[in-house]
Amino acid sequence: MSFTSLTSIFAHKAHQRAIGAAQIVYEAQKVVGGDGQVLTFKNGNLRLSVKSSVAANQIKINQTALIEKINQELGRALVKKIYFRVGS
């Protein structure tokens, strides 16, 4: 019987989470496109920076559809809410 050290298990899990967050940001940026720049993803919250209040309003109006599209691309419901700020 072989054993795996706890250190290697935790390192592997941390690596999986990092890849997951990077993939979420990548997929979200593809869906959002030129309307915004994905800043971060944490605890189901996606944070964007948008160039104008018009773009912010469009994202707000389409927030549910954007979340559904992002989660569809990811294959599971990870994004729960989109927050955004106007400016760079």
C-alpha atoms as a PDB file:
ATOM      1  CA  MET A   1       0.000   0.000   0.000  1.00  0.00           C
ATOM      2  CA  SER A   2       1.389   3.425  -0.932  1.00  0.00           C
ATOM      3  CA  PHE A   3       0.764   6.674   0.915  1.00  0.00           C
ATOM      4  CA  THR A   4       0.692  10.244  -0.332  1.00  0.00           C
ATOM      5  CA  SER A   5       2.032  12.962   1.922  1.00  0.00           C
ATOM      6  CA  LEU A   6      -0.367  15.642   3.148  1.00  0.00           C
ATOM      7  CA  THR A   7       1.988  18.307   1.812  1.00  0.00           C
ATOM      8  CA  SER A   8       1.681  17.001  -1.743  1.00  0.00           C
ATOM      9  CA  ILE A   9      -2.107  16.689  -1.426  1.00  0.00           C
ATOM     10  CA  PHE A  10      -2.464  20.301  -0.222  1.00  0.00           C
ATOM     11  CA  ALA A  11      -0.063  21.550  -2.891  1.00  0.00           C
ATOM     12  CA  HIS A  12      -2.091  19.770  -5.573  1.00  0.00           C
ATOM     13  CA  LYS A  13      -5.392  21.216  -4.275  1.00  0.00           C
ATOM     14  CA  ALA A  14      -3.926  24.752  -4.176  1.00  0.00           C
ATOM     15  CA  HIS A  15      -2.699  24.317  -7.755  1.00  0.00           C
ATOM     16  CA  GLN A  16      -6.175  23.197  -8.880  1.00  0.00           C
ATOM     17  CA  ARG A  17      -7.782  26.295  -7.276  1.00  0.00           C
ATOM     18  CA  ALA A  18      -5.299  28.622  -8.982  1.00  0.00           C
ATOM     19  CA  ILE A  19      -5.977  27.054 -12.366  1.00  0.00           C
ATOM     20  CA  GLY A  20      -9.717  27.296 -11.682  1.00  0.00           C
ATOM     21  CA  ALA A  21      -9.574  31.021 -10.905  1.00  0.00           C
ATOM     22  CA  ALA A  22      -7.444  31.696 -13.974  1.00  0.00           C
ATOM     23  CA  GLN A  23      -9.857  29.762 -16.164  1.00  0.00           C
ATOM     24  CA  ILE A  24     -12.829  31.656 -14.702  1.00  0.00           C
ATOM     25  CA  VAL A  25     -11.175  34.996 -15.451  1.00  0.00           C
ATOM     26  CA  TYR A  26     -10.288  33.842 -18.971  1.00  0.00           C
ATOM     27  CA  GLU A  27     -13.799  32.585 -19.782  1.00  0.00           C
ATOM     28  CA  ALA A  28     -15.429  35.657 -18.238  1.00  0.00           C
ATOM     29  CA  GLN A  29     -13.233  37.963 -20.314  1.00  0.00           C
ATOM     30  CA  LYS A  30     -14.265  36.115 -23.481  1.00  0.00           C
ATOM     31  CA  VAL A  31     -17.943  36.582 -22.591  1.00  0.00           C
ATOM     32  CA  VAL A  32     -17.631  40.214 -21.479  1.00  0.00           C
ATOM     33  CA  GLY A  33     -15.456  41.082 -24.467  1.00  0.00           C
ATOM     34  CA  GLY A  34     -14.612  44.737 -25.043  1.00  0.00           C
ATOM     35  CA  ASP A  35     -17.299  45.992 -22.665  1.00  0.00           C
ATOM     36  CA  GLY A  36     -15.072  45.520 -19.630  1.00  0.00           C
ATOM     37  CA  GLN A  37     -11.871  44.199 -18.152  1.00  0.00           C
ATOM     38  CA  VAL A  38     -12.079  41.350 -15.659  1.00  0.00           C
ATOM     39  CA  LEU A  39     -10.155  42.308 -12.532  1.00  0.00           C
ATOM     40  CA  THR A  40     -10.687  39.468 -10.056  1.00  0.00           C
ATOM     41  CA  PHE A  41     -12.774  36.458  -9.131  1.00  0.00           C
ATOM     42  CA  LYS A  42     -13.266  35.450  -5.514  1.00  0.00           C
ATOM     43  CA  ASN A  43     -16.014  33.604  -3.619  1.00  0.00           C
ATOM     44  CA  GLY A  44     -18.402  33.634  -6.571  1.00  0.00           C
ATOM     45  CA  ASN A  45     -17.948  37.365  -7.180  1.00  0.00           C
ATOM     46  CA  LEU A  46     -16.569  38.589 -10.484  1.00  0.00           C
ATOM     47  CA  ARG A  47     -15.176  42.135 -10.479  1.00  0.00           C
ATOM     48  CA  LEU A  48     -14.952  44.167 -13.683  1.00  0.00           C
ATOM     49  CA  SER A  49     -13.675  47.560 -14.705  1.00  0.00           C
ATOM     50  CA  VAL A  50     -15.699  49.283 -17.428  1.00  0.00           C
ATOM     51  CA  LYS A  51     -14.821  52.367 -19.449  1.00  0.00           C
ATOM     52  CA  SER A  52     -18.115  54.231 -19.185  1.00  0.00           C
ATOM     53  CA  SER A  53     -21.390  54.427 -17.335  1.00  0.00           C
ATOM     54  CA  VAL A  54     -23.096  53.284 -20.550  1.00  0.00           C
ATOM     55  CA  ALA A  55     -21.059  50.049 -20.508  1.00  0.00           C
ATOM     56  CA  ALA A  56     -21.803  49.647 -16.783  1.00  0.00           C
ATOM     57  CA  ASN A  57     -25.506  50.018 -17.457  1.00  0.00           C
ATOM     58  CA  GLN A  58     -25.367  47.412 -20.253  1.00  0.00           C
ATOM     59  CA  ILE A  59     -23.633  44.956 -17.944  1.00  0.00           C
ATOM     60  CA  LYS A  60     -26.144  45.643 -15.179  1.00  0.00           C
ATOM     61  CA  ILE A  61     -29.083  45.076 -17.531  1.00  0.00           C
ATOM     62  CA  ASN A  62     -27.551  41.851 -18.914  1.00  0.00           C
ATOM     63  CA  GLN A  63     -25.998  40.610 -15.657  1.00  0.00           C
ATOM     64  CA  THR A  64     -28.120  37.460 -15.344  1.00  0.00           C
ATOM     65  CA  ALA A  65     -27.499  36.447 -18.956  1.00  0.00           C
ATOM     66  CA  LEU A  66     -23.760  37.143 -18.622  1.00  0.00           C
ATOM     67  CA  ILE A  67     -23.520  35.028 -15.463  1.00  0.00           C
ATOM     68  CA  GLU A  68     -25.410  32.188 -17.140  1.00  0.00           C
ATOM     69  CA  LYS A  69     -23.166  32.343 -20.216  1.00  0.00           C
ATOM     70  CA  ILE A  70     -19.960  32.388 -18.159  1.00  0.00           C
ATOM     71  CA  ASN A  71     -21.136  29.466 -16.019  1.00  0.00           C
ATOM     72  CA  GLN A  72     -22.201  27.579 -19.149  1.00  0.00           C
ATOM     73  CA  GLU A  73     -18.704  28.021 -20.593  1.00  0.00           C
ATOM     74  CA  LEU A  74     -17.206  26.790 -17.296  1.00  0.00           C
ATOM     75  CA  GLY A  75     -19.525  23.800 -17.104  1.00  0.00           C
ATOM     76  CA  ARG A  76     -20.756  24.633 -13.594  1.00  0.00           C
ATOM     77  CA  ALA A  77     -22.235  27.514 -11.628  1.00  0.00           C
ATOM     78  CA  LEU A  78     -19.242  29.290 -10.117  1.00  0.00           C
ATOM     79  CA  VAL A  79     -20.013  32.954 -10.827  1.00  0.00           C
ATOM     80  CA  LYS A  80     -22.832  34.236  -8.617  1.00  0.00           C
ATOM     81  CA  LYS A  81     -22.597  38.031  -8.898  1.00  0.00           C
ATOM     82  CA  ILE A  82     -20.893  40.636 -11.074  1.00  0.00           C
ATOM     83  CA  TYR A  83     -19.581  43.842  -9.546  1.00  0.00           C
ATOM     84  CA  PHE A  84     -18.151  46.623 -11.669  1.00  0.00           C
ATOM     85  CA  ARG A  85     -16.588  50.030 -11.460  1.00  0.00           C
ATOM     86  CA  VAL A  86     -16.376  52.760 -14.010  1.00  0.00           C
ATOM     87  CA  GLY A  87     -12.847  53.815 -14.926  1.00  0.00           C
ATOM     88  CA  SER A  88      -9.552  52.097 -15.469  1.00  0.00           C
END
